[in-house]
Amino acid sequence: MNLQLSDLDELLQSVRNRYSQEYLREAVIAYRAGAYRAAVTSTWISICVDVIQKIKELSVGGDAAAAKLEVKLDAIQPSDVRGMLDFENDILRIAHEELGVISLIEKTHLERVKEDRNICSHPTFSTDGSQFVPSPELARSYIVQAANYLLTNAPLKGKVVVHQMFGLITSISFPENKTKAFEVLSSERYLGRVKESAIRNLTIILFKRLFNDEDSMASGVLLQITAALIAINRINSEAFKSACRDNLIKSLAASSDATLKRLLPVLSEMPELWRYVEEATQHRLEQVIENMSVKELVLYRVSSVASAIPSVEVYFQSSIDDIKWVDSSILLSGSPSVTLLEQAIEFFVKSGSFDSAYSNGVNILLKYAGFLDDEKLTEVFEGVYRNKTYGINQILNAGGIGEFFASLYSKTQVGNVSKHTALWLAFRNEVVKKGYNYPDLDGFMEADGIIKLEAAEVA
């Protein structure tokens, strides 16, 4: 932790606006000369000037709230003392509520500068004739606060941008892909120049839309919001965690069964959020999952959640125990995950026709190739050898099955299969012994130097 005093000269050089910098320089000079009342007064003026300059800068950038404030500011005539005083008295509220350039805590601290400036600039009429003199430490702290909270910071977008970002995230143009969503939101045009409080508020609004808004939500919007939450966590994890602690628990507790389902796609990408789900809500989610249709299990990515969260896996497996064969195909094809790996292998090796063997291999098992290890790949091979319906091996005799084996060979080269060459060589030798020949697979293995087709022998 940094416990060093701030260097006033460094802070002064970091002030962005030259007009604000001039007044803060006067404050520093006064502080060093022992004129602490003058230091507090100049500090307050630098705050007012900086907010006004930020209004103008944001207005030029297209901020609607800032544009309205600039019109109001320009309407104040040089002779309108009351108008100037009213605007000055309201300036911190404007900075916090309308522009979002300071947080509530920062506003509270700067209000103290304003109060002490009023005391420093006016006689107190005390009975003993003494006047208020701020301590050196107090005057210095006000200079540092003004610089750190406001003067050295860019006019970051705040309250207004929250609603604009919500509209963007739920629009057709916003990507469902988490990487692309991060690239969009992290740019300076969007959340790249937004204060932490605005990011937190945006997260809260997204939670409320997900879990407390009964309006229907298209699957695409659900994925867009999920991608946005992942991006927000990358952009500012502290703001995101703060919103989770303070709002996610409450939003989930107040959710209906229909809106509680929306938590699942988020958990599939961010299982660490499970710690914010209270036990009562976990029990509700269990019942929701057990009553889901197969299409809903796929849509809400329940198998992926089950793979990451053991307690969810228990009641997910319970919900699919009695699933029909045709529904199993839909689930396994639409929800590839390590949780369903065993079912996917079984579904493939028990294929009962030539067509289904090829289809189950290409449309199901290939999607699970990345989850296979030595043991599971061996299980696949042994299941292929055993397959027999009407006295015929439906897999080894299926049309196009060689293409499937070649694809599986390629996909298992990168992943968890450590004895890739040995296992595939043994499989190839076994099927050749049984009288089967798959040119596509042989081509891959020859290219990798495992076999020599010309000599018709195993290398």
Protein backbone atom coordinates (compact mmCIF):
# COMPACT_ATOMS: atom_id res chain seq x y z
CA MET A 1 0.00 0.00 0.00
CA ASN A 2 1.30 3.47 -0.93
CA LEU A 3 1.53 5.61 2.20
CA GLN A 4 3.59 8.44 0.68
CA LEU A 5 2.31 11.99 0.59
CA SER A 6 1.26 13.18 -2.85
CA ASP A 7 3.77 15.41 -4.61
CA LEU A 8 1.97 18.70 -5.22
CA ASP A 9 4.14 19.63 -8.19
CA GLU A 10 3.43 16.31 -9.87
CA LEU A 11 -0.29 16.73 -9.24
CA LEU A 12 -0.17 20.23 -10.66
CA GLN A 13 1.50 19.01 -13.84
CA SER A 14 -1.18 16.32 -14.19
CA VAL A 15 -4.08 18.77 -14.25
CA ARG A 16 -5.63 18.52 -17.69
CA ASN A 17 -7.19 21.94 -18.19
CA ARG A 18 -4.92 25.00 -18.20
CA TYR A 19 -7.54 27.25 -16.58
CA SER A 20 -8.08 24.84 -13.72
CA GLN A 21 -4.33 24.43 -13.43
CA GLU A 22 -3.80 28.19 -13.01
CA TYR A 23 -6.10 28.34 -9.98
CA LEU A 24 -4.68 25.18 -8.44
CA ARG A 25 -1.16 26.62 -8.89
CA GLU A 26 -2.30 29.67 -6.92
CA ALA A 27 -3.59 27.31 -4.21
CA VAL A 28 -0.23 25.50 -4.02
CA ILE A 29 1.71 28.79 -3.88
CA ALA A 30 -0.57 30.09 -1.13
CA TYR A 31 -0.22 26.84 0.82
CA ARG A 32 3.56 27.00 0.69
CA ALA A 33 3.48 30.64 1.78
CA GLY A 34 1.34 29.79 4.80
CA ALA A 35 -1.75 31.55 3.40
CA TYR A 36 -4.04 28.62 4.08
CA ARG A 37 -7.34 30.50 3.73
CA ALA A 38 -6.24 31.69 0.27
CA ALA A 39 -5.20 28.13 -0.58
CA VAL A 40 -8.66 26.76 0.26
CA THR A 41 -10.37 29.56 -1.68
CA SER A 42 -8.26 29.01 -4.81
CA THR A 43 -8.80 25.26 -4.56
CA TRP A 44 -12.56 25.74 -4.60
CA ILE A 45 -12.35 28.08 -7.61
CA SER A 46 -10.24 25.49 -9.46
CA ILE A 47 -13.00 22.92 -8.82
CA CYS A 48 -15.70 25.20 -10.22
CA VAL A 49 -13.63 26.11 -13.27
CA ASP A 50 -12.82 22.48 -13.95
CA VAL A 51 -16.46 21.36 -13.85
CA ILE A 52 -17.38 24.17 -16.25
CA GLN A 53 -14.60 23.14 -18.63
CA LYS A 54 -15.69 19.51 -18.46
CA ILE A 55 -19.24 20.57 -19.32
CA LYS A 56 -17.92 22.25 -22.45
CA GLU A 57 -15.69 19.31 -23.39
CA LEU A 58 -18.48 16.76 -22.96
CA SER A 59 -20.87 18.98 -24.89
CA VAL A 60 -18.49 19.07 -27.85
CA GLY A 61 -18.31 15.27 -27.61
CA GLY A 62 -22.05 14.97 -28.04
CA ASP A 63 -23.17 14.44 -24.44
CA ALA A 64 -26.82 15.57 -24.35
CA ALA A 65 -26.85 16.43 -20.64
CA ALA A 66 -23.68 18.50 -20.97
CA ALA A 67 -25.10 20.32 -24.00
CA LYS A 68 -28.16 21.40 -21.98
CA LEU A 69 -25.95 22.58 -19.14
CA GLU A 70 -23.77 24.58 -21.53
CA VAL A 71 -26.84 26.37 -22.86
CA LYS A 72 -27.89 27.17 -19.29
CA LEU A 73 -24.39 28.36 -18.45
CA ASP A 74 -24.15 30.58 -21.53
CA ALA A 75 -27.47 32.19 -20.62
CA ILE A 76 -26.02 33.59 -17.37
CA GLN A 77 -25.05 37.23 -18.02
CA PRO A 78 -21.89 38.79 -16.47
CA SER A 79 -24.13 41.07 -14.42
CA ASP A 80 -26.29 38.21 -13.15
CA VAL A 81 -24.60 37.68 -9.79
CA ARG A 82 -27.49 35.63 -8.43
CA GLY A 83 -27.41 33.31 -11.45
CA MET A 84 -23.66 32.80 -11.02
CA LEU A 85 -24.03 32.03 -7.32
CA ASP A 86 -26.87 29.60 -7.93
CA PHE A 87 -24.86 27.73 -10.53
CA GLU A 88 -21.83 27.64 -8.22
CA ASN A 89 -23.88 26.33 -5.32
CA ASP A 90 -25.27 23.58 -7.56
CA ILE A 91 -22.06 22.69 -9.34
CA LEU A 92 -21.12 19.60 -7.32
CA ARG A 93 -24.62 18.16 -7.66
CA ILE A 94 -24.36 18.73 -11.42
CA ALA A 95 -20.95 17.04 -11.53
CA HIS A 96 -22.27 14.00 -9.68
CA GLU A 97 -25.90 13.56 -10.75
CA GLU A 98 -26.03 14.99 -14.26
CA LEU A 99 -22.52 14.42 -15.57
CA GLY A 100 -21.36 11.51 -13.43
CA VAL A 101 -17.78 12.82 -13.36
CA ILE A 102 -17.50 12.38 -9.56
CA SER A 103 -18.88 9.72 -7.26
CA LEU A 104 -21.13 10.35 -4.27
CA ILE A 105 -18.20 9.96 -1.84
CA GLU A 106 -16.08 12.34 -3.91
CA LYS A 107 -18.94 14.84 -3.96
CA THR A 108 -19.19 14.61 -0.17
CA HIS A 109 -15.48 15.33 0.24
CA LEU A 110 -15.56 18.26 -2.16
CA GLU A 111 -18.59 19.70 -0.36
CA ARG A 112 -16.28 20.17 2.63
CA VAL A 113 -13.94 22.25 0.47
CA LYS A 114 -16.91 24.42 -0.48
CA GLU A 115 -18.05 24.84 3.14
CA ASP A 116 -14.58 25.77 4.38
CA ARG A 117 -14.08 28.11 1.44
CA ASN A 118 -17.25 29.98 2.52
CA ILE A 119 -15.90 30.30 6.04
CA CYS A 120 -12.48 31.40 4.79
CA SER A 121 -13.94 34.05 2.49
CA HIS A 122 -16.33 35.66 4.96
CA PRO A 123 -15.94 37.07 8.47
CA THR A 124 -17.35 34.85 11.22
CA PHE A 125 -18.28 37.70 13.60
CA SER A 126 -17.11 35.65 16.56
CA THR A 127 -17.32 37.28 20.00
CA ASP A 128 -13.56 37.20 20.53
CA GLY A 129 -12.76 38.46 17.05
CA SER A 130 -10.92 35.28 16.02
CA GLN A 131 -11.28 34.01 12.48
CA PHE A 132 -11.17 30.50 11.07
CA VAL A 133 -7.74 29.43 9.81
CA PRO A 134 -7.52 25.99 8.21
CA SER A 135 -4.60 23.85 9.30
CA PRO A 136 -1.76 23.22 6.84
CA GLU A 137 -2.78 19.55 6.66
CA LEU A 138 -6.38 20.45 5.84
CA ALA A 139 -5.43 22.94 3.11
CA ARG A 140 -3.05 20.43 1.58
CA SER A 141 -5.62 17.62 1.69
CA TYR A 142 -8.13 19.81 -0.16
CA ILE A 143 -5.61 20.50 -2.94
CA VAL A 144 -4.91 16.77 -3.28
CA GLN A 145 -8.60 15.83 -3.26
CA ALA A 146 -9.48 18.43 -5.88
CA ALA A 147 -6.69 17.17 -8.14
CA ASN A 148 -7.29 13.45 -7.67
CA TYR A 149 -11.09 13.50 -7.76
CA LEU A 150 -11.55 15.94 -10.59
CA LEU A 151 -8.79 18.08 -12.08
CA THR A 152 -6.43 15.32 -13.24
CA ASN A 153 -9.20 13.15 -14.68
CA ALA A 154 -10.63 13.18 -18.17
CA PRO A 155 -14.31 14.12 -18.39
CA LEU A 156 -15.42 10.54 -18.18
CA LYS A 157 -18.93 9.68 -19.18
CA GLY A 158 -21.22 8.79 -16.32
CA LYS A 159 -24.95 8.65 -15.76
CA VAL A 160 -26.07 9.32 -19.31
CA VAL A 161 -23.80 6.70 -20.83
CA VAL A 162 -25.31 3.96 -18.66
CA HIS A 163 -28.61 4.15 -20.54
CA GLN A 164 -26.83 4.52 -23.87
CA MET A 165 -24.74 1.40 -23.19
CA PHE A 166 -27.79 -0.58 -22.14
CA GLY A 167 -29.42 0.32 -25.44
CA LEU A 168 -26.27 -0.70 -27.31
CA ILE A 169 -25.94 -4.06 -25.53
CA THR A 170 -29.55 -5.02 -26.27
CA SER A 171 -29.42 -3.85 -29.90
CA ILE A 172 -29.13 -6.11 -32.95
CA SER A 173 -25.61 -4.89 -33.71
CA PHE A 174 -24.07 -5.94 -30.38
CA PRO A 175 -22.07 -9.20 -30.65
CA GLU A 176 -22.90 -12.41 -28.78
CA ASN A 177 -19.23 -13.42 -28.84
CA LYS A 178 -17.51 -12.50 -25.57
CA THR A 179 -14.22 -11.51 -27.22
CA LYS A 180 -15.91 -9.20 -29.69
CA ALA A 181 -18.14 -7.80 -26.94
CA PHE A 182 -15.04 -6.86 -24.96
CA GLU A 183 -13.47 -5.18 -27.99
CA VAL A 184 -16.62 -3.08 -28.45
CA LEU A 185 -17.21 -2.09 -24.82
CA SER A 186 -13.57 -1.45 -23.91
CA SER A 187 -13.12 1.16 -26.63
CA GLU A 188 -12.95 4.81 -25.57
CA ARG A 189 -16.16 5.48 -27.43
CA TYR A 190 -18.05 3.25 -24.99
CA LEU A 191 -16.78 2.08 -21.57
CA GLY A 192 -13.12 2.91 -22.07
CA ARG A 193 -13.62 6.38 -20.58
CA VAL A 194 -16.34 5.70 -18.05
CA LYS A 195 -16.06 6.10 -14.30
CA GLU A 196 -16.21 3.05 -12.06
CA SER A 197 -19.57 4.12 -10.65
CA ALA A 198 -21.08 4.14 -14.15
CA ILE A 199 -19.76 0.64 -14.87
CA ARG A 200 -21.23 -0.58 -11.60
CA ASN A 201 -24.61 1.01 -12.37
CA LEU A 202 -24.64 -0.51 -15.85
CA THR A 203 -23.99 -3.94 -14.34
CA ILE A 204 -26.88 -3.46 -11.92
CA ILE A 205 -29.23 -2.46 -14.75
CA LEU A 206 -28.24 -5.56 -16.72
CA PHE A 207 -28.90 -7.75 -13.66
CA LYS A 208 -32.34 -6.20 -13.26
CA ARG A 209 -33.16 -6.73 -16.95
CA LEU A 210 -32.14 -10.36 -16.66
CA PHE A 211 -33.72 -11.34 -13.38
CA ASN A 212 -36.44 -8.83 -12.51
CA ASP A 213 -37.93 -7.87 -15.87
CA GLU A 214 -40.81 -10.16 -16.85
CA ASP A 215 -40.79 -8.95 -20.46
CA SER A 216 -39.85 -11.69 -22.90
CA MET A 217 -36.21 -11.94 -23.89
CA ALA A 218 -34.97 -13.39 -27.16
CA SER A 219 -32.17 -15.94 -26.87
CA GLY A 220 -29.88 -13.59 -28.80
CA VAL A 221 -30.38 -10.78 -26.28
CA LEU A 222 -29.69 -13.20 -23.43
CA LEU A 223 -26.38 -14.14 -25.03
CA GLN A 224 -25.57 -10.47 -25.71
CA ILE A 225 -26.11 -9.50 -22.07
CA THR A 226 -24.04 -12.50 -20.96
CA ALA A 227 -21.20 -11.44 -23.27
CA ALA A 228 -21.49 -7.86 -21.98
CA LEU A 229 -21.23 -8.98 -18.34
CA ILE A 230 -18.10 -10.97 -19.13
CA ALA A 231 -16.63 -7.92 -20.87
CA ILE A 232 -17.52 -5.61 -17.98
CA ASN A 233 -15.79 -7.96 -15.54
CA ARG A 234 -12.64 -7.76 -17.69
CA ILE A 235 -12.83 -3.96 -17.98
CA ASN A 236 -13.30 -3.31 -14.26
CA SER A 237 -13.51 -6.37 -12.04
CA GLU A 238 -13.86 -4.35 -8.82
CA ALA A 239 -16.92 -2.49 -10.06
CA PHE A 240 -18.41 -5.76 -11.31
CA LYS A 241 -17.79 -7.57 -8.00
CA SER A 242 -19.27 -4.65 -6.09
CA ALA A 243 -22.46 -4.88 -8.16
CA CYS A 244 -22.59 -8.65 -7.56
CA ARG A 245 -22.24 -8.27 -3.81
CA ASP A 246 -24.76 -5.48 -3.48
CA ASN A 247 -27.31 -6.29 -6.17
CA LEU A 248 -27.05 -9.74 -7.74
CA ILE A 249 -28.13 -11.56 -4.58
CA LYS A 250 -31.17 -9.29 -4.21
CA SER A 251 -32.11 -9.52 -7.89
CA LEU A 252 -32.00 -13.32 -7.82
CA ALA A 253 -34.04 -13.49 -4.62
CA ALA A 254 -36.74 -11.37 -6.27
CA SER A 255 -36.73 -13.29 -9.56
CA SER A 256 -39.56 -15.41 -10.92
CA ASP A 257 -39.07 -18.95 -12.21
CA ALA A 258 -39.07 -17.63 -15.77
CA THR A 259 -36.38 -15.04 -15.12
CA LEU A 260 -34.30 -17.23 -12.82
CA LYS A 261 -33.53 -19.48 -15.81
CA ARG A 262 -31.56 -16.63 -17.33
CA LEU A 263 -28.89 -17.09 -14.68
CA LEU A 264 -27.79 -20.35 -16.29
CA PRO A 265 -26.11 -18.99 -19.48
CA VAL A 266 -24.28 -16.47 -17.30
CA LEU A 267 -23.07 -19.24 -14.98
CA SER A 268 -21.94 -21.31 -17.98
CA GLU A 269 -19.41 -18.56 -18.75
CA MET A 270 -18.86 -17.23 -15.22
CA PRO A 271 -19.27 -20.12 -12.74
CA GLU A 272 -17.54 -18.04 -10.07
CA LEU A 273 -20.83 -16.14 -9.66
CA TRP A 274 -22.29 -19.22 -7.98
CA ARG A 275 -20.98 -17.94 -4.64
CA TYR A 276 -23.43 -15.04 -4.89
CA VAL A 277 -26.40 -17.41 -5.21
CA GLU A 278 -28.05 -18.00 -1.84
CA GLU A 279 -29.00 -21.52 -0.77
CA ALA A 280 -32.71 -20.81 -1.12
CA THR A 281 -32.19 -19.62 -4.69
CA GLN A 282 -30.06 -22.71 -5.41
CA HIS A 283 -32.95 -24.96 -4.37
CA ARG A 284 -35.31 -23.01 -6.62
CA LEU A 285 -32.89 -23.35 -9.52
CA GLU A 286 -32.73 -27.11 -8.92
CA GLN A 287 -36.49 -27.40 -9.36
CA VAL A 288 -36.40 -25.17 -12.43
CA ILE A 289 -33.78 -27.37 -14.09
CA GLU A 290 -35.63 -30.60 -13.29
CA ASN A 291 -38.73 -29.23 -15.02
CA MET A 292 -36.98 -27.94 -18.13
CA SER A 293 -37.61 -29.40 -21.56
CA VAL A 294 -34.68 -30.73 -23.58
CA LYS A 295 -34.77 -27.64 -25.79
CA GLU A 296 -34.56 -25.43 -22.71
CA LEU A 297 -31.63 -27.46 -21.34
CA VAL A 298 -29.80 -26.75 -24.59
CA LEU A 299 -30.89 -23.11 -24.84
CA TYR A 300 -29.82 -22.27 -21.29
CA ARG A 301 -26.53 -24.21 -21.52
CA VAL A 302 -27.30 -26.27 -18.45
CA SER A 303 -24.76 -28.99 -19.27
CA SER A 304 -21.95 -26.43 -19.31
CA VAL A 305 -23.07 -25.11 -15.93
CA ALA A 306 -23.16 -28.68 -14.60
CA SER A 307 -19.60 -29.26 -15.81
CA ALA A 308 -18.36 -26.29 -13.78
CA ILE A 309 -20.55 -26.53 -10.66
CA PRO A 310 -20.78 -29.97 -8.96
CA SER A 311 -24.03 -29.29 -7.13
CA VAL A 312 -25.74 -28.34 -10.41
CA GLU A 313 -24.42 -31.50 -12.06
CA VAL A 314 -26.22 -33.65 -9.49
CA TYR A 315 -29.68 -32.38 -10.32
CA PHE A 316 -28.90 -31.97 -14.01
CA GLN A 317 -28.07 -35.67 -14.26
CA SER A 318 -31.24 -36.43 -12.32
CA SER A 319 -33.28 -34.41 -14.81
CA ILE A 320 -32.02 -36.42 -17.82
CA ASP A 321 -32.15 -39.93 -16.34
CA ASP A 322 -35.34 -40.89 -18.15
CA ILE A 323 -34.79 -38.86 -21.29
CA LYS A 324 -35.99 -40.40 -24.57
CA TRP A 325 -33.51 -41.53 -27.23
CA VAL A 326 -34.54 -38.87 -29.74
CA ASP A 327 -34.29 -36.19 -27.05
CA SER A 328 -30.84 -37.49 -26.13
CA SER A 329 -29.70 -36.75 -29.68
CA ILE A 330 -30.93 -33.17 -29.40
CA LEU A 331 -29.31 -32.68 -25.99
CA LEU A 332 -25.97 -34.28 -26.85
CA SER A 333 -25.67 -32.45 -30.16
CA GLY A 334 -26.72 -29.08 -28.76
CA SER A 335 -24.86 -29.16 -25.41
CA PRO A 336 -21.36 -30.58 -25.78
CA SER A 337 -19.68 -30.62 -22.37
CA VAL A 338 -17.56 -32.90 -20.25
CA THR A 339 -20.64 -33.66 -18.16
CA LEU A 340 -22.27 -35.41 -21.13
CA LEU A 341 -19.13 -37.07 -22.47
CA GLU A 342 -20.01 -40.55 -21.23
CA GLN A 343 -23.51 -40.31 -22.70
CA ALA A 344 -22.13 -39.07 -26.03
CA ILE A 345 -19.73 -42.02 -26.27
CA GLU A 346 -22.48 -44.48 -25.42
CA PHE A 347 -24.85 -42.90 -27.91
CA PHE A 348 -22.29 -43.27 -30.70
CA VAL A 349 -21.05 -46.80 -29.99
CA LYS A 350 -24.63 -48.10 -29.72
CA SER A 351 -25.63 -46.71 -33.12
CA GLY A 352 -28.13 -49.12 -34.64
CA SER A 353 -27.79 -48.35 -38.33
CA PHE A 354 -25.22 -47.27 -40.89
CA ASP A 355 -26.81 -43.84 -41.26
CA SER A 356 -27.11 -43.22 -37.54
CA ALA A 357 -23.50 -44.32 -36.97
CA TYR A 358 -22.20 -41.70 -39.40
CA SER A 359 -24.65 -39.06 -38.15
CA ASN A 360 -23.93 -39.70 -34.47
CA GLY A 361 -20.22 -39.58 -35.12
CA VAL A 362 -20.19 -36.36 -37.12
CA ASN A 363 -22.99 -34.47 -35.35
CA ILE A 364 -22.34 -35.63 -31.79
CA LEU A 365 -19.06 -37.34 -30.93
CA LEU A 366 -16.83 -34.96 -32.90
CA LYS A 367 -18.15 -32.12 -30.72
CA TYR A 368 -16.78 -33.98 -27.68
CA ALA A 369 -13.33 -34.69 -29.15
CA GLY A 370 -11.71 -32.00 -27.02
CA PHE A 371 -12.91 -33.73 -23.83
CA LEU A 372 -11.47 -37.15 -24.72
CA ASP A 373 -8.40 -38.43 -22.91
CA ASP A 374 -6.52 -41.72 -23.34
CA GLU A 375 -9.04 -43.68 -21.31
CA LYS A 376 -12.11 -42.25 -23.06
CA LEU A 377 -10.63 -42.61 -26.56
CA THR A 378 -9.89 -46.24 -25.77
CA GLU A 379 -13.49 -46.58 -24.62
CA VAL A 380 -14.65 -45.25 -27.99
CA PHE A 381 -12.49 -47.72 -29.90
CA GLU A 382 -13.60 -50.69 -27.82
CA GLY A 383 -17.23 -49.68 -28.22
CA VAL A 384 -16.73 -49.49 -32.01
CA TYR A 385 -15.33 -53.04 -32.04
CA ARG A 386 -18.29 -54.37 -30.04
CA ASN A 387 -21.01 -52.67 -32.07
CA LYS A 388 -23.26 -55.20 -33.79
CA THR A 389 -26.88 -54.97 -34.88
CA TYR A 390 -28.49 -57.71 -36.97
CA GLY A 391 -25.11 -59.43 -36.84
CA ILE A 392 -23.30 -56.56 -38.58
CA ASN A 393 -21.03 -53.84 -37.16
CA GLN A 394 -23.03 -50.74 -38.04
CA ILE A 395 -20.14 -48.36 -37.39
CA LEU A 396 -17.25 -49.94 -39.22
CA ASN A 397 -19.47 -50.63 -42.24
CA ALA A 398 -21.13 -47.19 -42.34
CA GLY A 399 -20.74 -45.11 -45.48
CA GLY A 400 -18.40 -42.17 -44.98
CA ILE A 401 -17.25 -43.42 -41.56
CA GLY A 402 -13.64 -43.13 -42.71
CA GLU A 403 -14.09 -39.36 -42.98
CA PHE A 404 -15.37 -39.36 -39.41
CA PHE A 405 -12.39 -41.36 -38.12
CA ALA A 406 -10.01 -39.00 -39.95
CA SER A 407 -11.69 -35.98 -38.35
CA LEU A 408 -11.61 -37.57 -34.89
CA TYR A 409 -7.93 -38.41 -35.39
CA SER A 410 -7.20 -34.77 -36.25
CA LYS A 411 -9.25 -33.29 -33.41
CA THR A 412 -7.72 -35.53 -30.75
CA GLN A 413 -4.20 -34.52 -31.74
CA VAL A 414 -4.75 -31.31 -29.77
CA GLY A 415 -6.23 -31.94 -26.35
CA ASN A 416 -6.02 -34.42 -23.52
CA VAL A 417 -4.92 -37.54 -25.44
CA SER A 418 -1.28 -38.08 -24.47
CA LYS A 419 -0.75 -41.41 -26.28
CA HIS A 420 -2.34 -40.25 -29.49
CA THR A 421 -0.01 -42.05 -31.91
CA ALA A 422 -0.01 -45.36 -30.03
CA LEU A 423 -3.78 -45.47 -29.58
CA TRP A 424 -4.61 -44.62 -33.17
CA LEU A 425 -1.98 -47.00 -34.51
CA ALA A 426 -3.49 -49.81 -32.45
CA PHE A 427 -6.98 -48.91 -33.68
CA ARG A 428 -5.86 -48.83 -37.31
CA ASN A 429 -4.12 -52.19 -36.96
CA GLU A 430 -7.22 -53.73 -35.42
CA VAL A 431 -9.67 -52.53 -38.10
CA VAL A 432 -7.26 -53.59 -40.87
CA LYS A 433 -7.11 -57.03 -39.26
CA LYS A 434 -10.91 -57.11 -39.41
CA GLY A 435 -10.77 -56.32 -43.10
CA TYR A 436 -11.62 -52.61 -43.11
CA ASN A 437 -9.72 -49.92 -44.95
CA TYR A 438 -10.23 -46.16 -44.48
CA PRO A 439 -8.17 -44.11 -46.98
CA ASP A 440 -8.99 -40.78 -45.29
CA LEU A 441 -7.64 -41.94 -41.95
CA ASP A 442 -4.63 -43.60 -43.63
CA GLY A 443 -3.84 -40.35 -45.40
CA PHE A 444 -3.64 -38.45 -42.11
CA MET A 445 -1.53 -41.13 -40.46
CA GLU A 446 0.85 -41.39 -43.41
CA ALA A 447 1.29 -37.60 -43.45
CA ASP A 448 2.28 -37.80 -39.77
CA GLY A 449 4.81 -40.57 -40.51
CA ILE A 450 2.95 -43.21 -38.53
CA ILE A 451 2.37 -45.63 -41.42
CA LYS A 452 3.88 -46.24 -44.86
CA LEU A 453 1.15 -47.05 -47.31
CA GLU A 454 3.51 -47.89 -50.16
CA ALA A 455 5.02 -50.78 -48.25
CA ALA A 456 1.64 -51.71 -46.80
CA GLU A 457 3.22 -51.97 -43.40
CA VAL A 458 3.06 -50.15 -40.12
CA ALA A 459 6.01 -47.88 -39.47
